C-alpha atoms as a PDB file:
ATOM      1  CA  MET A   1      85.423 120.298 104.571  1.00  0.00           C
ATOM      2  CA  GLU A   2      82.191 121.366 102.610  1.00  0.00           C
ATOM      3  CA  ILE A   3      80.039 118.392 101.393  1.00  0.00           C
ATOM      4  CA  GLU A   4      76.633 117.234  99.871  1.00  0.00           C
ATOM      5  CA  ILE A   5      74.624 114.216  99.945  1.00  0.00           C
ATOM      6  CA  GLN A   6      73.643 112.686  96.362  1.00  0.00           C
ATOM      7  CA  SER A   7      71.926 110.059  95.176  1.00  0.00           C
ATOM      8  CA  THR A   8      73.331 107.881  92.461  1.00  0.00           C
ATOM      9  CA  ALA A   9      72.201 105.932  89.676  1.00  0.00           C
ATOM     10  CA  ASP A  10      71.311 102.296  91.591  1.00  0.00           C
ATOM     11  CA  GLY A  11      69.542 104.794  94.452  1.00  0.00           C
ATOM     12  CA  SER A  12      72.017 104.472  96.961  1.00  0.00           C
ATOM     13  CA  LYS A  13      73.514 107.819  98.379  1.00  0.00           C
ATOM     14  CA  THR A  14      77.290 109.040  98.201  1.00  0.00           C
ATOM     15  CA  ILE A  15      78.918 112.285  99.298  1.00  0.00           C
ATOM     16  CA  PHE A  16      80.072 115.160  97.099  1.00  0.00           C
ATOM     17  CA  VAL A  17      83.290 117.246  97.872  1.00  0.00           C
ATOM     18  CA  PRO A  18      82.613 120.809  95.868  1.00  0.00           C
ATOM     19  CA  SER A  19      85.806 121.928  97.002  1.00  0.00           C
ATOM     20  CA  LEU A  20      87.911 118.700  95.143  1.00  0.00           C
ATOM     21  CA  ASP A  21      84.953 118.197  92.491  1.00  0.00           C
ATOM     22  CA  GLU A  22      85.025 114.763  93.819  1.00  0.00           C
ATOM     23  CA  HIS A  23      82.481 112.470  94.891  1.00  0.00           C
ATOM     24  CA  TYR A  24      83.122 109.238  97.649  1.00  0.00           C
ATOM     25  CA  HIS A  25      81.599 106.978  95.079  1.00  0.00           C
ATOM     26  CA  SER A  26      80.233 106.484  91.528  1.00  0.00           C
ATOM     27  CA  ILE A  27      77.451 108.266  90.342  1.00  0.00           C
ATOM     28  CA  LYS A  28      76.758 105.082  88.636  1.00  0.00           C
ATOM     29  CA  GLY A  29      75.916 103.644  91.668  1.00  0.00           C
ATOM     30  CA  ALA A  30      77.624 103.668  95.357  1.00  0.00           C
ATOM     31  CA  LEU A  31      76.321 100.381  96.421  1.00  0.00           C
ATOM     32  CA  THR A  32      76.403  98.616  92.842  1.00  0.00           C
ATOM     33  CA  GLU A  33      80.177  99.789  92.827  1.00  0.00           C
ATOM     34  CA  SER A  34      81.227  98.496  96.447  1.00  0.00           C
ATOM     35  CA  GLN A  35      79.868  95.155  96.004  1.00  0.00           C
ATOM     36  CA  HIS A  36      81.663  94.618  92.731  1.00  0.00           C
ATOM     37  CA  ILE A  37      84.850  96.222  93.499  1.00  0.00           C
ATOM     38  CA  PHE A  38      85.630  95.371  96.678  1.00  0.00           C
ATOM     39  CA  ILE A  39      83.644  92.420  97.858  1.00  0.00           C
ATOM     40  CA  LYS A  40      83.717  90.281  94.605  1.00  0.00           C
ATOM     41  CA  MET A  41      86.924  91.150  92.961  1.00  0.00           C
ATOM     42  CA  GLY A  42      88.779  91.503  96.336  1.00  0.00           C
ATOM     43  CA  LEU A  43      87.530  89.481  99.271  1.00  0.00           C
ATOM     44  CA  HIS A  44      85.843  86.784  97.364  1.00  0.00           C
ATOM     45  CA  GLU A  45      89.345  86.202  95.748  1.00  0.00           C
ATOM     46  CA  CYS A  46      90.894  85.521  99.114  1.00  0.00           C
ATOM     47  CA  THR A  47      91.206  82.519 100.261  1.00  0.00           C
ATOM     48  CA  ALA A  48      92.822  83.157 104.085  1.00  0.00           C
ATOM     49  CA  THR A  49      90.852  81.408 106.661  1.00  0.00           C
ATOM     50  CA  GLU A  50      90.669  84.780 108.673  1.00  0.00           C
ATOM     51  CA  PRO A  51      91.692  87.582 106.384  1.00  0.00           C
ATOM     52  CA  ARG A  52      93.064  90.657 107.291  1.00  0.00           C
ATOM     53  CA  ILE A  53      91.810  93.713 105.087  1.00  0.00           C
ATOM     54  CA  LEU A  54      93.250  96.870 105.024  1.00  0.00           C
ATOM     55  CA  GLU A  55      90.870  99.538 103.739  1.00  0.00           C
ATOM     56  CA  VAL A  56      92.693 103.042 102.527  1.00  0.00           C
ATOM     57  CA  GLY A  57      89.694 105.064 103.080  1.00  0.00           C
ATOM     58  CA  PHE A  58      87.162 104.536 105.729  1.00  0.00           C
ATOM     59  CA  GLY A  59      84.643 107.529 104.208  1.00  0.00           C
ATOM     60  CA  THR A  60      80.873 106.580 104.346  1.00  0.00           C
ATOM     61  CA  GLY A  61      81.816 103.056 105.885  1.00  0.00           C
ATOM     62  CA  LEU A  62      80.073 101.335 103.167  1.00  0.00           C
ATOM     63  CA  ASN A  63      82.942  99.079 102.104  1.00  0.00           C
ATOM     64  CA  ALA A  64      83.228  97.911 105.825  1.00  0.00           C
ATOM     65  CA  ILE A  65      79.349  97.500 106.347  1.00  0.00           C
ATOM     66  CA  LEU A  66      79.194  95.202 103.330  1.00  0.00           C
ATOM     67  CA  THR A  67      82.667  93.124 104.678  1.00  0.00           C
ATOM     68  CA  LEU A  68      80.830  92.820 108.041  1.00  0.00           C
ATOM     69  CA  GLU A  69      77.675  91.157 106.240  1.00  0.00           C
ATOM     70  CA  GLU A  70      80.215  88.792 104.276  1.00  0.00           C
ATOM     71  CA  ALA A  71      82.051  88.053 107.803  1.00  0.00           C
ATOM     72  CA  GLU A  72      78.516  86.833 108.978  1.00  0.00           C
ATOM     73  CA  LYS A  73      78.498  84.398 106.309  1.00  0.00           C
ATOM     74  CA  ARG A  74      82.198  83.372 106.154  1.00  0.00           C
ATOM     75  CA  GLY A  75      83.673  83.520 109.468  1.00  0.00           C
ATOM     76  CA  LYS A  76      86.177  86.223 111.097  1.00  0.00           C
ATOM     77  CA  ILE A  77      87.313  89.116 109.084  1.00  0.00           C
ATOM     78  CA  HIS A  78      89.871  91.588 111.035  1.00  0.00           C
ATOM     79  CA  TYR A  79      89.472  94.683 109.330  1.00  0.00           C
ATOM     80  CA  THR A  80      91.823  98.074 109.474  1.00  0.00           C
ATOM     81  CA  THR A  81      90.592 101.169 108.070  1.00  0.00           C
ATOM     82  CA  LEU A  82      92.574 104.392 107.403  1.00  0.00           C
ATOM     83  CA  GLU A  83      90.841 107.852 107.408  1.00  0.00           C
ATOM     84  CA  ARG A  84      92.288 111.397 107.489  1.00  0.00           C
ATOM     85  CA  TYR A  85      89.073 113.381 107.497  1.00  0.00           C
ATOM     86  CA  PRO A  86      86.266 111.375 109.406  1.00  0.00           C
ATOM     87  CA  LEU A  87      82.939 111.748 108.525  1.00  0.00           C
ATOM     88  CA  PRO A  88      80.556 113.916 110.951  1.00  0.00           C
ATOM     89  CA  LEU A  89      77.813 111.470 112.276  1.00  0.00           C
ATOM     90  CA  GLU A  90      74.941 113.658 110.973  1.00  0.00           C
ATOM     91  CA  ILE A  91      76.501 113.150 107.509  1.00  0.00           C
ATOM     92  CA  VAL A  92      76.718 109.547 108.033  1.00  0.00           C
ATOM     93  CA  HIS A  93      72.820 109.318 109.328  1.00  0.00           C
ATOM     94  CA  GLN A  94      71.885 111.035 106.048  1.00  0.00           C
ATOM     95  CA  LEU A  95      73.295 108.276 103.664  1.00  0.00           C
ATOM     96  CA  ASP A  96      70.363 106.057 104.640  1.00  0.00           C
ATOM     97  CA  TYR A  97      72.100 103.040 104.209  1.00  0.00           C
ATOM     98  CA  ASP A  98      70.465 100.768 106.702  1.00  0.00           C
ATOM     99  CA  LYS A  99      67.864 100.782 104.096  1.00  0.00           C
ATOM    100  CA  LEU A 100      69.559  99.329 101.536  1.00  0.00           C
ATOM    101  CA  LEU A 101      70.886  96.325 103.815  1.00  0.00           C
ATOM    102  CA  ASP A 102      69.170  93.651 105.980  1.00  0.00           C
ATOM    103  CA  LYS A 103      67.758  94.626 109.171  1.00  0.00           C
ATOM    104  CA  LYS A 104      70.400  92.525 111.229  1.00  0.00           C
ATOM    105  CA  THR A 105      73.527  93.976 108.932  1.00  0.00           C
ATOM    106  CA  ALA A 106      71.889  97.859 109.296  1.00  0.00           C
ATOM    107  CA  SER A 107      72.006  97.746 112.659  1.00  0.00           C
ATOM    108  CA  TYR A 108      75.606  97.863 113.008  1.00  0.00           C
ATOM    109  CA  PHE A 109      76.226 100.410 110.643  1.00  0.00           C
ATOM    110  CA  PRO A 110      75.946 103.477 112.974  1.00  0.00           C
ATOM    111  CA  ILE A 111      78.084 101.603 115.407  1.00  0.00           C
ATOM    112  CA  LEU A 112      80.978 101.354 112.718  1.00  0.00           C
ATOM    113  CA  HIS A 113      80.739 105.217 112.973  1.00  0.00           C
ATOM    114  CA  GLN A 114      80.309 105.469 116.714  1.00  0.00           C
ATOM    115  CA  VAL A 115      83.309 103.208 118.213  1.00  0.00           C
ATOM    116  CA  PRO A 116      86.783 104.628 119.111  1.00  0.00           C
ATOM    117  CA  TRP A 117      89.142 105.193 116.467  1.00  0.00           C
ATOM    118  CA  ASN A 118      92.866 103.891 117.011  1.00  0.00           C
ATOM    119  CA  GLU A 119      91.870 100.816 119.059  1.00  0.00           C
ATOM    120  CA  TRP A 120      90.492  97.051 117.635  1.00  0.00           C
ATOM    121  CA  GLN A 121      86.698  97.011 118.360  1.00  0.00           C
ATOM    122  CA  GLU A 122      84.327  93.607 118.377  1.00  0.00           C
ATOM    123  CA  ILE A 123      81.642  94.596 116.180  1.00  0.00           C
ATOM    124  CA  THR A 124      80.340  91.080 115.932  1.00  0.00           C
ATOM    125  CA  GLU A 125      81.706  87.521 116.711  1.00  0.00           C
ATOM    126  CA  ASN A 126      82.960  87.656 113.042  1.00  0.00           C
ATOM    127  CA  PHE A 127      83.810  91.129 112.510  1.00  0.00           C
ATOM    128  CA  ARG A 128      86.847  92.948 114.408  1.00  0.00           C
ATOM    129  CA  LEU A 129      87.334  96.246 113.384  1.00  0.00           C
ATOM    130  CA  ARG A 130      90.115  98.785 113.916  1.00  0.00           C
ATOM    131  CA  LYS A 131      89.704 102.533 112.511  1.00  0.00           C
ATOM    132  CA  ILE A 132      93.119 104.518 112.013  1.00  0.00           C
ATOM    133  CA  GLU A 133      92.788 108.427 112.018  1.00  0.00           C
ATOM    134  CA  CYS A 134      96.154 108.985 109.828  1.00  0.00           C
ATOM    135  CA  ASP A 135      97.895 110.070 106.880  1.00  0.00           C
ATOM    136  CA  LEU A 136      98.739 106.980 104.839  1.00  0.00           C
ATOM    137  CA  THR A 137     101.935 109.093 103.473  1.00  0.00           C
ATOM    138  CA  THR A 138     103.601 108.812 106.753  1.00  0.00           C
ATOM    139  CA  LEU A 139     102.007 106.026 108.448  1.00  0.00           C
ATOM    140  CA  LYS A 140     104.270 102.834 109.417  1.00  0.00           C
ATOM    141  CA  ILE A 141     102.090 100.329 108.443  1.00  0.00           C
ATOM    142  CA  GLU A 142     102.447  96.646 110.434  1.00  0.00           C
ATOM    143  CA  GLU A 143     102.618  93.840 107.986  1.00  0.00           C
ATOM    144  CA  GLY A 144     100.637  90.760 106.992  1.00  0.00           C
ATOM    145  CA  TYR A 145      97.300  91.976 105.163  1.00  0.00           C
ATOM    146  CA  ASP A 146      95.717  89.505 102.755  1.00  0.00           C
ATOM    147  CA  VAL A 147      93.501  92.007 101.077  1.00  0.00           C
ATOM    148  CA  ILE A 148      93.291  95.846 100.491  1.00  0.00           C
ATOM    149  CA  TYR A 149      90.996  97.732  99.633  1.00  0.00           C
ATOM    150  CA  TYR A 150      92.380 101.324  97.721  1.00  0.00           C
ATOM    151  CA  ASP A 151      89.465 103.897  97.716  1.00  0.00           C
ATOM    152  CA  ALA A 152      91.538 107.092  98.056  1.00  0.00           C
ATOM    153  CA  PHE A 153      89.902 110.022  95.986  1.00  0.00           C
ATOM    154  CA  ALA A 154      91.453 109.742  92.243  1.00  0.00           C
ATOM    155  CA  PRO A 155      95.272 111.190  91.572  1.00  0.00           C
ATOM    156  CA  GLU A 156      94.244 113.730  90.073  1.00  0.00           C
ATOM    157  CA  LYS A 157      92.729 114.858  93.178  1.00  0.00           C
ATOM    158  CA  GLN A 158      94.739 113.446  95.676  1.00  0.00           C
ATOM    159  CA  PRO A 159      98.092 112.855  93.771  1.00  0.00           C
ATOM    160  CA  ASP A 160     100.268 112.167  97.289  1.00  0.00           C
ATOM    161  CA  MET A 161      98.216 109.106  97.555  1.00  0.00           C
ATOM    162  CA  TRP A 162      98.922 107.791  94.174  1.00  0.00           C
ATOM    163  CA  THR A 163     102.571 107.466  94.276  1.00  0.00           C
ATOM    164  CA  GLN A 164     105.530 104.639  93.587  1.00  0.00           C
ATOM    165  CA  GLU A 165     106.437 105.113  97.316  1.00  0.00           C
ATOM    166  CA  ILE A 166     102.944 104.383  98.752  1.00  0.00           C
ATOM    167  CA  PHE A 167     102.710 100.900  96.406  1.00  0.00           C
ATOM    168  CA  ASP A 168     105.794 100.020  97.374  1.00  0.00           C
ATOM    169  CA  LYS A 169     104.908 100.430 101.084  1.00  0.00           C
ATOM    170  CA  LEU A 170     101.519  98.443 100.533  1.00  0.00           C
ATOM    171  CA  TYR A 171     103.194  95.570  98.619  1.00  0.00           C
ATOM    172  CA  THR A 172     105.279  95.294 101.410  1.00  0.00           C
ATOM    173  CA  CYS A 173     102.666  94.959 104.144  1.00  0.00           C
ATOM    174  CA  MET A 174     101.174  92.308 102.362  1.00  0.00           C
ATOM    175  CA  ALA A 175     100.862  88.537 103.182  1.00  0.00           C
ATOM    176  CA  PRO A 176     102.005  86.213 100.412  1.00  0.00           C
ATOM    177  CA  ASN A 177      99.285  85.864  97.653  1.00  0.00           C
ATOM    178  CA  GLY A 178      97.634  89.174  99.079  1.00  0.00           C
ATOM    179  CA  ILE A 179      95.206  90.792  96.661  1.00  0.00           C
ATOM    180  CA  PHE A 180      94.953  94.538  95.999  1.00  0.00           C
ATOM    181  CA  VAL A 181      91.720  95.962  94.488  1.00  0.00           C
ATOM    182  CA  THR A 182      91.209  99.657  93.430  1.00  0.00           C
ATOM    183  CA  TYR A 183      88.449 101.390  91.147  1.00  0.00           C
ATOM    184  CA  CYS A 184      91.077 103.127  89.305  1.00  0.00           C
ATOM    185  CA  ALA A 185      92.187 101.756  85.826  1.00  0.00           C
ATOM    186  CA  LYS A 186      94.818 104.489  84.604  1.00  0.00           C
ATOM    187  CA  GLY A 187      97.792 103.258  83.135  1.00  0.00           C
ATOM    188  CA  VAL A 188     100.326 104.989  85.289  1.00  0.00           C
ATOM    189  CA  VAL A 189      98.964 103.358  88.380  1.00  0.00           C
ATOM    190  CA  ARG A 190      98.887  99.951  86.380  1.00  0.00           C
ATOM    191  CA  ARG A 191     102.773 100.581  85.815  1.00  0.00           C
ATOM    192  CA  MET A 192     103.199 101.907  89.515  1.00  0.00           C
ATOM    193  CA  LEU A 193     101.799  98.339  90.980  1.00  0.00           C
ATOM    194  CA  GLN A 194     103.750  96.324  88.610  1.00  0.00           C
ATOM    195  CA  THR A 195     107.132  98.302  89.559  1.00  0.00           C
ATOM    196  CA  ALA A 196     106.227  97.654  93.107  1.00  0.00           C
ATOM    197  CA  GLY A 197     106.113  94.007  92.391  1.00  0.00           C
ATOM    198  CA  PHE A 198     102.190  93.201  91.763  1.00  0.00           C
ATOM    199  CA  SER A 199     100.649  90.762  89.037  1.00  0.00           C
ATOM    200  CA  VAL A 200      98.113  93.200  87.722  1.00  0.00           C
ATOM    201  CA  GLU A 201      95.130  92.116  86.019  1.00  0.00           C
ATOM    202  CA  ARG A 202      92.483  94.823  84.294  1.00  0.00           C
ATOM    203  CA  LEU A 203      89.075  93.693  84.938  1.00  0.00           C
ATOM    204  CA  ALA A 204      85.442  94.712  83.574  1.00  0.00           C
ATOM    205  CA  GLY A 205      83.948  97.034  86.251  1.00  0.00           C
ATOM    206  CA  PRO A 206      80.400  97.226  87.420  1.00  0.00           C
ATOM    207  CA  LEU A 207      77.593  96.906  84.687  1.00  0.00           C
ATOM    208  CA  ASN A 208      76.153 100.206  85.491  1.00  0.00           C
ATOM    209  CA  GLY A 209      78.929 101.695  83.544  1.00  0.00           C
ATOM    210  CA  LYS A 210      82.357 101.665  85.155  1.00  0.00           C
ATOM    211  CA  ARG A 211      84.623 100.254  82.457  1.00  0.00           C
ATOM    212  CA  GLU A 212      87.573  98.692  83.792  1.00  0.00           C
ATOM    213  CA  ILE A 213      89.227  98.270  87.766  1.00  0.00           C
ATOM    214  CA  LEU A 214      92.760  96.600  88.653  1.00  0.00           C
ATOM    215  CA  ARG A 215      93.518  94.142  90.887  1.00  0.00           C
ATOM    216  CA  GLY A 216      97.017  93.140  92.111  1.00  0.00           C
ATOM    217  CA  LYS A 217      98.210  89.957  93.418  1.00  0.00           C
ATOM    218  CA  LYS A 218     101.453  89.257  95.443  1.00  0.00           C
ATOM    219  CA  SER A 219     103.278  86.179  94.680  1.00  0.00           C
ATOM    220  CA  GLY A 220     102.977  83.373  97.279  1.00  0.00           C
ATOM    221  CA  GLU A 221     106.927  82.948  97.634  1.00  0.00           C
ATOM    222  CA  LEU A 222     108.165  84.240 101.283  1.00  0.00           C
END
Protein backbone atom coordinates (compact mmCIF):
# COMPACT_ATOMS: atom_id res chain seq x y z
CA MET A 1 0.00 0.00 0.00
CA GLU A 2 1.49 3.31 -1.08
CA ILE A 3 1.46 5.93 1.68
CA GLU A 4 2.62 9.51 2.15
CA ILE A 5 3.48 11.52 5.28
CA GLN A 6 1.68 14.87 5.45
CA SER A 7 1.57 17.70 8.00
CA THR A 8 -1.74 18.78 9.55
CA ALA A 9 -2.88 22.20 10.74
CA ASP A 10 -1.79 21.76 14.38
CA GLY A 11 1.76 20.78 13.41
CA SER A 12 1.30 17.03 13.90
CA LYS A 13 1.68 14.61 11.02
CA THR A 14 -0.63 12.06 9.49
CA ILE A 15 -0.58 9.49 6.72
CA PHE A 16 -2.28 9.81 3.36
CA VAL A 17 -3.21 6.78 1.25
CA PRO A 18 -3.47 7.89 -2.41
CA SER A 19 -5.22 4.72 -3.58
CA LEU A 20 -8.08 5.43 -1.15
CA ASP A 21 -7.78 9.22 -1.24
CA GLU A 22 -7.95 8.99 2.55
CA HIS A 23 -6.01 10.37 5.54
CA TYR A 24 -5.46 8.49 8.80
CA HIS A 25 -6.39 11.65 10.75
CA SER A 26 -8.03 14.98 10.13
CA ILE A 27 -5.85 17.39 8.16
CA LYS A 28 -7.17 20.06 10.54
CA GLY A 29 -5.00 18.50 13.23
CA ALA A 30 -4.13 14.87 13.93
CA LEU A 31 -3.13 15.35 17.57
CA THR A 32 -6.03 17.71 18.31
CA GLU A 33 -8.52 15.27 16.80
CA SER A 34 -7.29 12.28 18.78
CA GLN A 35 -7.16 14.16 22.09
CA HIS A 36 -10.65 15.57 21.68
CA ILE A 37 -12.58 12.59 20.31
CA PHE A 38 -10.99 9.59 21.94
CA ILE A 39 -9.46 10.94 25.15
CA LYS A 40 -11.76 13.80 26.18
CA MET A 41 -15.07 12.48 24.82
CA GLY A 42 -14.31 8.79 25.37
CA LEU A 43 -11.82 7.87 28.08
CA HIS A 44 -12.56 10.85 30.32
CA GLU A 45 -16.23 9.83 30.42
CA CYS A 46 -15.41 6.31 31.62
CA THR A 47 -15.82 5.62 35.35
CA ALA A 48 -14.41 2.08 35.37
CA THR A 49 -11.58 1.58 37.87
CA GLU A 50 -9.38 -0.23 35.35
CA PRO A 51 -10.85 0.55 31.92
CA ARG A 52 -10.72 -2.05 29.20
CA ILE A 53 -10.42 -0.22 25.90
CA LEU A 54 -10.92 -1.62 22.40
CA GLU A 55 -9.52 0.43 19.55
CA VAL A 56 -10.53 -0.34 15.98
CA GLY A 57 -7.69 0.98 13.84
CA PHE A 58 -4.27 1.08 15.57
CA GLY A 59 -2.83 2.95 12.58
CA THR A 60 -0.09 5.36 13.65
CA GLY A 61 -0.46 4.50 17.33
CA LEU A 62 -1.45 8.07 18.21
CA ASN A 63 -4.60 7.11 20.14
CA ALA A 64 -2.65 4.44 22.00
CA ILE A 65 0.20 6.69 23.12
CA LEU A 66 -2.22 9.39 24.27
CA THR A 67 -4.09 6.75 26.28
CA LEU A 68 -0.81 5.56 27.80
CA GLU A 69 -0.17 9.16 28.86
CA GLU A 70 -3.58 9.19 30.57
CA ALA A 71 -2.91 5.84 32.24
CA GLU A 72 0.17 7.26 33.92
CA LYS A 73 -2.09 9.88 35.52
CA ARG A 74 -5.22 7.88 36.40
CA GLY A 75 -4.10 4.28 36.87
CA LYS A 76 -4.19 0.94 35.06
CA ILE A 77 -5.69 0.65 31.57
CA HIS A 78 -5.98 -2.54 29.51
CA TYR A 79 -5.79 -1.58 25.83
CA THR A 80 -6.64 -3.91 22.94
CA THR A 81 -6.15 -2.54 19.44
CA LEU A 82 -7.06 -4.07 16.09
CA GLU A 83 -5.22 -3.44 12.85
CA ARG A 84 -5.44 -5.21 9.51
CA TYR A 85 -2.55 -3.38 7.83
CA PRO A 86 0.28 -2.59 10.30
CA LEU A 87 2.57 0.25 9.29
CA PRO A 88 6.29 -0.31 8.58
CA LEU A 89 8.55 1.02 11.34
CA GLU A 90 10.36 3.31 8.92
CA ILE A 91 7.08 5.14 8.32
CA VAL A 92 6.28 5.33 12.04
CA HIS A 93 9.64 6.99 12.75
CA GLN A 94 8.86 9.72 10.21
CA LEU A 95 5.74 10.82 12.08
CA ASP A 96 7.84 12.58 14.75
CA TYR A 97 5.15 12.18 17.41
CA ASP A 98 7.92 12.06 20.02
CA LYS A 99 8.43 15.79 19.42
CA LEU A 100 4.82 16.51 20.44
CA LEU A 101 4.84 14.53 23.69
CA ASP A 102 6.67 14.94 26.98
CA LYS A 103 9.99 13.13 27.10
CA LYS A 104 8.83 10.24 29.28
CA THR A 105 5.71 9.51 27.21
CA ALA A 106 7.62 9.88 23.95
CA SER A 107 10.06 7.19 25.00
CA TYR A 108 7.26 4.61 24.89
CA PHE A 109 5.99 5.46 21.42
CA PRO A 110 8.40 3.28 19.40
CA ILE A 111 7.87 0.46 21.89
CA LEU A 112 4.15 0.36 21.05
CA HIS A 113 5.06 -0.46 17.45
CA GLN A 114 7.93 -2.82 18.20
CA VAL A 115 6.36 -5.21 20.72
CA PRO A 116 5.00 -8.51 19.36
CA TRP A 117 1.46 -8.81 18.04
CA ASN A 118 -1.37 -10.96 19.35
CA GLU A 119 -0.28 -11.18 23.00
CA TRP A 120 -0.47 -8.95 26.05
CA GLN A 121 2.51 -6.68 26.72
CA GLU A 122 3.22 -4.71 29.92
CA ILE A 123 4.35 -1.38 28.49
CA THR A 124 4.29 0.44 31.84
CA GLU A 125 3.00 -0.46 35.27
CA ASN A 126 -0.29 1.19 34.31
CA PHE A 127 -0.63 0.40 30.60
CA ARG A 128 -1.17 -3.10 29.23
CA LEU A 129 -1.26 -3.40 25.43
CA ARG A 130 -2.46 -6.14 23.12
CA LYS A 131 -2.21 -5.54 19.38
CA ILE A 132 -4.22 -7.93 17.23
CA GLU A 133 -3.55 -8.16 13.50
CA CYS A 134 -6.94 -9.10 12.12
CA ASP A 135 -10.05 -8.31 10.12
CA LEU A 136 -12.81 -7.04 12.41
CA THR A 137 -15.52 -8.37 10.10
CA THR A 138 -14.49 -11.97 10.89
CA LEU A 139 -13.02 -11.57 14.40
CA LYS A 140 -14.85 -13.04 17.40
CA ILE A 141 -14.54 -10.32 20.04
CA GLU A 142 -14.41 -11.10 23.75
CA GLU A 143 -16.78 -9.22 26.03
CA GLY A 144 -16.34 -6.62 28.76
CA TYR A 145 -14.95 -3.51 27.05
CA ASP A 146 -15.63 -0.21 28.81
CA VAL A 147 -14.63 2.10 25.94
CA ILE A 148 -14.43 1.60 22.18
CA TYR A 149 -12.43 3.96 19.99
CA TYR A 150 -13.85 3.46 16.49
CA ASP A 151 -11.23 4.86 14.14
CA ALA A 152 -11.66 2.89 10.92
CA PHE A 153 -11.40 4.57 7.52
CA ALA A 154 -14.49 6.54 6.48
CA PRO A 155 -17.64 4.66 5.42
CA GLU A 156 -17.29 5.60 1.76
CA LYS A 157 -13.72 4.25 1.76
CA GLN A 158 -14.24 1.10 3.84
CA PRO A 159 -17.97 0.32 3.83
CA ASP A 160 -17.58 -3.19 5.24
CA MET A 161 -16.46 -1.60 8.53
CA TRP A 162 -19.65 0.44 8.90
CA THR A 163 -22.46 -2.10 8.86
CA GLN A 164 -25.26 -3.03 11.23
CA GLU A 165 -23.60 -6.38 11.84
CA ILE A 166 -20.41 -4.65 13.02
CA PHE A 167 -22.21 -2.30 15.42
CA ASP A 168 -24.36 -5.13 16.79
CA LYS A 169 -21.17 -7.08 17.48
CA LEU A 170 -19.53 -4.12 19.21
CA TYR A 171 -22.57 -3.41 21.37
CA THR A 172 -22.62 -7.02 22.52
CA CYS A 173 -18.94 -6.98 23.50
CA MET A 174 -19.26 -3.88 25.69
CA ALA A 175 -19.67 -3.80 29.45
CA PRO A 176 -22.72 -2.10 31.00
CA ASN A 177 -22.28 1.70 30.80
CA GLY A 178 -19.75 1.22 28.01
CA ILE A 179 -18.84 4.21 25.84
CA PHE A 180 -18.39 4.15 22.04
CA VAL A 181 -16.79 7.13 20.28
CA THR A 182 -16.10 7.84 16.61
CA TYR A 183 -15.20 10.80 14.45
CA CYS A 184 -17.96 9.93 11.96
CA ALA A 185 -21.28 11.74 12.55
CA LYS A 186 -23.17 10.55 9.46
CA GLY A 187 -26.90 10.01 10.01
CA VAL A 188 -26.75 6.44 8.74
CA VAL A 189 -24.06 5.59 11.30
CA ARG A 190 -26.05 7.21 14.12
CA ARG A 191 -29.12 5.19 13.17
CA MET A 192 -27.19 1.91 13.05
CA LEU A 193 -25.72 2.60 16.49
CA GLN A 194 -29.22 3.27 17.84
CA THR A 195 -30.55 0.08 16.25
CA ALA A 196 -27.72 -1.83 17.94
CA GLY A 197 -28.93 -0.50 21.30
CA PHE A 198 -26.76 2.54 22.01
CA SER A 199 -28.05 5.86 23.31
CA VAL A 200 -26.36 8.21 20.84
CA GLU A 201 -25.27 11.83 21.16
CA ARG A 202 -24.01 14.21 18.50
CA LEU A 203 -21.20 16.22 20.08
CA ALA A 204 -19.09 19.15 18.97
CA GLY A 205 -15.88 18.11 17.33
CA PRO A 206 -12.43 19.64 17.85
CA LEU A 207 -12.25 23.43 17.70
CA ASN A 208 -10.07 23.25 14.61
CA GLY A 209 -12.96 22.69 12.24
CA LYS A 210 -14.34 19.19 12.73
CA ARG A 211 -18.04 19.89 13.15
CA GLU A 212 -19.56 16.92 14.94
CA ILE A 213 -18.72 13.47 16.30
CA LEU A 214 -20.81 10.63 17.73
CA ARG A 215 -20.76 9.08 21.19
CA GLY A 216 -22.84 6.06 22.06
CA LYS A 217 -23.53 4.68 25.53
CA LYS A 218 -24.67 1.20 26.48
CA SER A 219 -27.33 0.81 29.16
CA GLY A 220 -26.11 0.11 32.65
CA GLU A 221 -28.55 -2.78 32.98
CA LEU A 222 -27.12 -6.31 32.91
